[in-house]
Amino acid sequence: MESSEPPHQALSLVLAYLPLYELLSMSQVCKFFRDAIANDVLIWLDVIVERRLSLRLTDETLIKIASKANGRLRILALLNCVRITDAGLLSVVNKNPNISKVIHCLNFVLLLPGE
């Protein structure tokens, strides 16, 4: 899908609902998706790191992901991210002055009704 045209607006709407793991996976599919994901600040405003990435995420990777919001990160949720240090978390918070919610849970267990 080689094109110099910007991505269709519907793509941004869909990408905003994908989990972080899926966004990162899609960015490796092709150049079109890589550019669309990298250049859309809106999809990076709320970063929620769940199980698939939590054990692999480091301070360096977190800072790189958070930088995609260009200082406009609103929500950062780190669930079982055992490799994230206080210094790494503080670095992200300091670079995003309008952040309204930070969740850093270790040993997070989600219990669903009926389980």
N, C-alpha and C. Protein backbone atom coordinates (compact mmCIF):
# COMPACT_ATOMS: atom_id res chain seq x y z
N MET A 1 0.84 -1.18 0.00
CA MET A 1 0.00 0.00 0.00
C MET A 1 0.89 1.24 0.00
N GLU A 2 1.64 1.44 -1.06
CA GLU A 2 2.49 2.62 -1.20
C GLU A 2 1.64 3.80 -1.62
N SER A 3 1.66 4.85 -0.83
CA SER A 3 0.87 6.02 -1.15
C SER A 3 1.44 7.22 -0.41
N SER A 4 1.38 8.36 -1.06
CA SER A 4 1.82 9.58 -0.40
C SER A 4 0.65 10.28 0.28
N GLU A 5 -0.55 9.71 0.11
CA GLU A 5 -1.73 10.28 0.74
C GLU A 5 -1.73 9.98 2.23
N PRO A 6 -2.30 10.89 3.03
CA PRO A 6 -2.40 10.61 4.46
C PRO A 6 -3.41 9.48 4.70
N PRO A 7 -3.29 8.79 5.83
CA PRO A 7 -4.23 7.70 6.11
C PRO A 7 -5.67 8.23 6.23
N HIS A 8 -6.60 7.39 5.91
CA HIS A 8 -8.01 7.75 6.04
C HIS A 8 -8.30 8.03 7.52
N GLN A 9 -9.20 8.98 7.79
CA GLN A 9 -9.52 9.36 9.17
C GLN A 9 -10.06 8.19 9.98
N ALA A 10 -10.71 7.26 9.32
CA ALA A 10 -11.27 6.10 10.03
C ALA A 10 -10.16 5.26 10.65
N LEU A 11 -8.99 5.24 10.03
CA LEU A 11 -7.88 4.47 10.58
C LEU A 11 -7.50 4.98 11.96
N SER A 12 -7.46 6.29 12.14
CA SER A 12 -7.15 6.87 13.45
C SER A 12 -8.18 6.48 14.50
N LEU A 13 -9.42 6.43 14.09
CA LEU A 13 -10.48 6.05 15.03
C LEU A 13 -10.31 4.60 15.47
N VAL A 14 -9.99 3.74 14.54
CA VAL A 14 -9.80 2.32 14.86
C VAL A 14 -8.55 2.12 15.72
N LEU A 15 -7.46 2.76 15.35
CA LEU A 15 -6.20 2.60 16.08
C LEU A 15 -6.32 3.03 17.53
N ALA A 16 -7.14 4.03 17.79
CA ALA A 16 -7.31 4.54 19.15
C ALA A 16 -7.88 3.49 20.11
N TYR A 17 -8.54 2.48 19.56
CA TYR A 17 -9.15 1.45 20.40
C TYR A 17 -8.29 0.20 20.56
N LEU A 18 -7.16 0.15 19.88
CA LEU A 18 -6.30 -1.02 19.98
C LEU A 18 -5.44 -0.98 21.23
N PRO A 19 -5.21 -2.13 21.84
CA PRO A 19 -4.28 -2.19 22.97
C PRO A 19 -2.86 -1.86 22.47
N LEU A 20 -2.02 -1.44 23.38
CA LEU A 20 -0.66 -1.05 23.05
C LEU A 20 0.08 -2.15 22.30
N TYR A 21 -0.05 -3.38 22.75
CA TYR A 21 0.64 -4.50 22.10
C TYR A 21 0.24 -4.60 20.64
N GLU A 22 -1.05 -4.44 20.35
CA GLU A 22 -1.53 -4.53 18.97
C GLU A 22 -1.03 -3.36 18.14
N LEU A 23 -0.98 -2.17 18.72
CA LEU A 23 -0.44 -1.01 18.00
C LEU A 23 1.01 -1.24 17.59
N LEU A 24 1.79 -1.72 18.53
CA LEU A 24 3.20 -1.97 18.25
C LEU A 24 3.36 -3.07 17.21
N SER A 25 2.51 -4.08 17.27
CA SER A 25 2.56 -5.16 16.26
C SER A 25 2.17 -4.64 14.89
N MET A 26 1.10 -3.84 14.83
CA MET A 26 0.65 -3.30 13.55
C MET A 26 1.69 -2.39 12.92
N SER A 27 2.45 -1.69 13.75
CA SER A 27 3.44 -0.77 13.20
C SER A 27 4.56 -1.51 12.47
N GLN A 28 4.64 -2.83 12.63
CA GLN A 28 5.66 -3.63 11.97
C GLN A 28 5.13 -4.33 10.72
N VAL A 29 3.85 -4.17 10.43
CA VAL A 29 3.24 -4.86 9.29
C VAL A 29 3.74 -4.30 7.96
N CYS A 30 3.69 -2.99 7.84
CA CYS A 30 4.13 -2.35 6.59
C CYS A 30 4.45 -0.88 6.86
N LYS A 31 5.08 -0.26 5.90
CA LYS A 31 5.49 1.14 6.05
C LYS A 31 4.28 2.06 6.25
N PHE A 32 3.20 1.78 5.54
CA PHE A 32 1.99 2.60 5.65
C PHE A 32 1.48 2.61 7.09
N PHE A 33 1.34 1.42 7.70
CA PHE A 33 0.86 1.34 9.08
C PHE A 33 1.89 1.94 10.04
N ARG A 34 3.17 1.68 9.79
CA ARG A 34 4.21 2.23 10.66
C ARG A 34 4.12 3.75 10.71
N ASP A 35 4.01 4.36 9.55
CA ASP A 35 3.94 5.82 9.48
C ASP A 35 2.64 6.36 10.07
N ALA A 36 1.54 5.67 9.79
CA ALA A 36 0.24 6.11 10.31
C ALA A 36 0.23 6.08 11.84
N ILE A 37 0.78 5.05 12.41
CA ILE A 37 0.81 4.89 13.87
C ILE A 37 1.81 5.87 14.49
N ALA A 38 2.96 6.01 13.88
CA ALA A 38 4.00 6.89 14.43
C ALA A 38 3.60 8.36 14.38
N ASN A 39 2.82 8.74 13.38
CA ASN A 39 2.51 10.15 13.18
C ASN A 39 1.18 10.59 13.78
N ASP A 40 0.46 9.71 14.41
CA ASP A 40 -0.83 10.05 15.00
C ASP A 40 -0.68 10.21 16.52
N VAL A 41 -0.54 11.44 16.97
CA VAL A 41 -0.33 11.71 18.39
C VAL A 41 -1.54 11.26 19.22
N LEU A 42 -2.72 11.38 18.69
CA LEU A 42 -3.94 11.09 19.47
C LEU A 42 -3.99 9.66 20.00
N ILE A 43 -3.46 8.71 19.25
CA ILE A 43 -3.52 7.32 19.73
C ILE A 43 -2.55 7.04 20.86
N TRP A 44 -1.65 7.97 21.12
CA TRP A 44 -0.65 7.78 22.18
C TRP A 44 -0.96 8.57 23.45
N LEU A 45 -2.10 9.22 23.53
CA LEU A 45 -2.42 10.04 24.69
C LEU A 45 -2.74 9.22 25.94
N ASP A 46 -3.27 8.03 25.74
CA ASP A 46 -3.60 7.12 26.85
C ASP A 46 -2.82 5.83 26.64
N VAL A 47 -1.82 5.59 27.46
CA VAL A 47 -0.97 4.40 27.32
C VAL A 47 -1.28 3.44 28.46
N ILE A 48 -1.75 2.26 28.09
CA ILE A 48 -2.08 1.22 29.07
C ILE A 48 -1.26 -0.01 28.72
N VAL A 49 -0.36 -0.38 29.61
CA VAL A 49 0.52 -1.53 29.38
C VAL A 49 -0.06 -2.72 30.13
N GLU A 50 -0.45 -3.72 29.38
CA GLU A 50 -1.05 -4.91 29.96
C GLU A 50 -0.10 -6.10 29.89
N ARG A 51 -0.62 -7.25 30.24
CA ARG A 51 0.15 -8.47 30.42
C ARG A 51 1.15 -8.78 29.30
N ARG A 52 0.76 -8.68 28.06
CA ARG A 52 1.65 -9.09 26.97
C ARG A 52 2.98 -8.32 26.95
N LEU A 53 2.98 -7.11 27.43
CA LEU A 53 4.20 -6.29 27.41
C LEU A 53 4.78 -6.04 28.79
N SER A 54 4.02 -6.29 29.82
CA SER A 54 4.40 -5.83 31.15
C SER A 54 5.75 -6.36 31.64
N LEU A 55 6.06 -7.59 31.36
CA LEU A 55 7.32 -8.15 31.84
C LEU A 55 8.51 -7.74 31.00
N ARG A 56 8.27 -7.27 29.78
CA ARG A 56 9.35 -6.88 28.87
C ARG A 56 9.63 -5.39 28.87
N LEU A 57 8.71 -4.60 29.36
CA LEU A 57 8.83 -3.14 29.28
C LEU A 57 9.89 -2.62 30.24
N THR A 58 10.83 -1.83 29.70
CA THR A 58 11.89 -1.23 30.51
C THR A 58 11.66 0.28 30.56
N ASP A 59 12.43 0.96 31.40
CA ASP A 59 12.36 2.42 31.48
C ASP A 59 12.59 3.04 30.11
N GLU A 60 13.62 2.57 29.42
CA GLU A 60 13.98 3.13 28.11
C GLU A 60 12.82 2.98 27.11
N THR A 61 12.21 1.82 27.08
CA THR A 61 11.09 1.58 26.17
C THR A 61 9.88 2.42 26.56
N LEU A 62 9.61 2.52 27.85
CA LEU A 62 8.49 3.33 28.32
C LEU A 62 8.67 4.79 27.92
N ILE A 63 9.86 5.31 28.10
CA ILE A 63 10.13 6.70 27.75
C ILE A 63 9.95 6.92 26.25
N LYS A 64 10.39 5.96 25.46
CA LYS A 64 10.24 6.06 24.00
C LYS A 64 8.76 6.03 23.60
N ILE A 65 7.99 5.13 24.19
CA ILE A 65 6.56 5.05 23.88
C ILE A 65 5.84 6.32 24.32
N ALA A 66 6.13 6.78 25.53
CA ALA A 66 5.46 7.98 26.05
C ALA A 66 5.82 9.22 25.24
N SER A 67 7.00 9.24 24.65
CA SER A 67 7.41 10.42 23.87
C SER A 67 6.56 10.59 22.61
N LYS A 68 5.89 9.54 22.17
CA LYS A 68 5.04 9.63 20.98
C LYS A 68 3.85 10.56 21.21
N ALA A 69 3.52 10.82 22.49
CA ALA A 69 2.42 11.73 22.81
C ALA A 69 2.87 13.19 22.79
N ASN A 70 4.14 13.43 22.53
CA ASN A 70 4.69 14.80 22.44
C ASN A 70 4.36 15.66 23.66
N GLY A 71 4.51 15.08 24.85
CA GLY A 71 4.27 15.83 26.08
C GLY A 71 2.81 15.99 26.45
N ARG A 72 1.92 15.29 25.74
CA ARG A 72 0.47 15.44 25.98
C ARG A 72 -0.16 14.18 26.58
N LEU A 73 0.66 13.27 27.09
CA LEU A 73 0.15 12.04 27.68
C LEU A 73 -0.86 12.36 28.77
N ARG A 74 -2.02 11.71 28.74
CA ARG A 74 -3.07 11.96 29.73
C ARG A 74 -3.14 10.86 30.78
N ILE A 75 -3.04 9.62 30.33
CA ILE A 75 -3.17 8.47 31.23
C ILE A 75 -2.02 7.51 30.98
N LEU A 76 -1.42 7.04 32.06
CA LEU A 76 -0.38 6.02 31.99
C LEU A 76 -0.73 4.94 33.00
N ALA A 77 -1.01 3.76 32.50
CA ALA A 77 -1.33 2.62 33.38
C ALA A 77 -0.31 1.52 33.12
N LEU A 78 0.42 1.17 34.14
CA LEU A 78 1.44 0.13 34.06
C LEU A 78 1.02 -1.02 34.97
N LEU A 79 0.56 -2.09 34.38
CA LEU A 79 0.05 -3.22 35.14
C LEU A 79 1.09 -4.34 35.16
N ASN A 80 1.64 -4.61 36.33
CA ASN A 80 2.68 -5.63 36.52
C ASN A 80 3.95 -5.35 35.74
N CYS A 81 4.30 -4.11 35.57
CA CYS A 81 5.53 -3.73 34.87
C CYS A 81 6.67 -3.70 35.88
N VAL A 82 7.21 -4.85 36.17
CA VAL A 82 8.19 -5.00 37.24
C VAL A 82 9.55 -4.39 36.91
N ARG A 83 9.81 -4.10 35.65
CA ARG A 83 11.11 -3.55 35.26
C ARG A 83 11.11 -2.03 35.18
N ILE A 84 9.97 -1.41 35.48
CA ILE A 84 9.90 0.05 35.47
C ILE A 84 10.32 0.56 36.85
N THR A 85 11.29 1.45 36.86
CA THR A 85 11.78 2.00 38.12
C THR A 85 11.07 3.31 38.43
N ASP A 86 11.22 3.77 39.65
CA ASP A 86 10.66 5.07 40.03
C ASP A 86 11.25 6.17 39.16
N ALA A 87 12.54 6.07 38.85
CA ALA A 87 13.20 7.08 38.02
C ALA A 87 12.62 7.12 36.62
N GLY A 88 12.35 5.96 36.05
CA GLY A 88 11.75 5.90 34.72
C GLY A 88 10.35 6.49 34.70
N LEU A 89 9.57 6.12 35.70
CA LEU A 89 8.21 6.64 35.81
C LEU A 89 8.22 8.16 36.02
N LEU A 90 9.10 8.63 36.88
CA LEU A 90 9.21 10.07 37.14
C LEU A 90 9.64 10.83 35.88
N SER A 91 10.51 10.24 35.09
CA SER A 91 10.94 10.87 33.84
C SER A 91 9.75 11.08 32.90
N VAL A 92 8.91 10.07 32.77
CA VAL A 92 7.73 10.18 31.90
C VAL A 92 6.76 11.23 32.44
N VAL A 93 6.52 11.21 33.73
CA VAL A 93 5.59 12.17 34.34
C VAL A 93 6.11 13.60 34.16
N ASN A 94 7.40 13.81 34.36
CA ASN A 94 7.98 15.15 34.22
C ASN A 94 7.89 15.69 32.80
N LYS A 95 7.93 14.80 31.81
CA LYS A 95 7.87 15.22 30.41
C LYS A 95 6.44 15.38 29.92
N ASN A 96 5.47 15.06 30.75
CA ASN A 96 4.05 15.15 30.39
C ASN A 96 3.30 15.89 31.49
N PRO A 97 3.40 17.21 31.51
CA PRO A 97 2.87 18.00 32.63
C PRO A 97 1.35 17.93 32.80
N ASN A 98 0.63 17.55 31.77
CA ASN A 98 -0.83 17.49 31.88
C ASN A 98 -1.37 16.10 32.16
N ILE A 99 -0.50 15.20 32.54
CA ILE A 99 -0.94 13.84 32.83
C ILE A 99 -1.92 13.87 34.00
N SER A 100 -3.03 13.20 33.84
CA SER A 100 -4.07 13.27 34.87
C SER A 100 -4.19 11.99 35.68
N LYS A 101 -3.67 10.87 35.16
CA LYS A 101 -3.80 9.62 35.89
C LYS A 101 -2.59 8.74 35.64
N VAL A 102 -1.98 8.27 36.72
CA VAL A 102 -0.87 7.33 36.64
C VAL A 102 -1.22 6.15 37.53
N ILE A 103 -1.19 4.98 36.94
CA ILE A 103 -1.45 3.75 37.69
C ILE A 103 -0.24 2.85 37.50
N HIS A 104 0.40 2.49 38.60
CA HIS A 104 1.54 1.58 38.54
C HIS A 104 1.28 0.48 39.56
N CYS A 105 0.72 -0.61 39.09
CA CYS A 105 0.34 -1.73 39.96
C CYS A 105 1.28 -2.89 39.75
N LEU A 106 1.81 -3.39 40.83
CA LEU A 106 2.59 -4.62 40.79
C LEU A 106 1.75 -5.73 41.40
N ASN A 107 1.93 -6.92 40.91
CA ASN A 107 1.14 -8.07 41.35
C ASN A 107 -0.34 -7.81 41.14
N PHE A 108 -0.66 -7.23 40.02
CA PHE A 108 -2.05 -6.91 39.66
C PHE A 108 -2.76 -8.17 39.22
N VAL A 109 -3.89 -8.44 39.81
CA VAL A 109 -4.71 -9.58 39.42
C VAL A 109 -6.11 -9.06 39.13
N LEU A 110 -6.59 -9.33 37.93
CA LEU A 110 -7.93 -8.90 37.56
C LEU A 110 -8.88 -10.08 37.73
N LEU A 111 -9.84 -9.90 38.60
CA LEU A 111 -10.84 -10.95 38.82
C LEU A 111 -12.13 -10.53 38.12
N LEU A 112 -12.58 -11.39 37.26
CA LEU A 112 -13.81 -11.13 36.54
C LEU A 112 -14.95 -11.89 37.21
N PRO A 113 -16.16 -11.36 37.13
CA PRO A 113 -17.30 -12.07 37.71
C PRO A 113 -17.41 -13.47 37.11
N GLY A 114 -17.66 -14.44 37.97
CA GLY A 114 -17.82 -15.82 37.51
C GLY A 114 -16.53 -16.59 37.43
N GLU A 115 -15.41 -16.00 37.79
CA GLU A 115 -14.14 -16.73 37.74
C GLU A 115 -13.73 -17.17 39.12
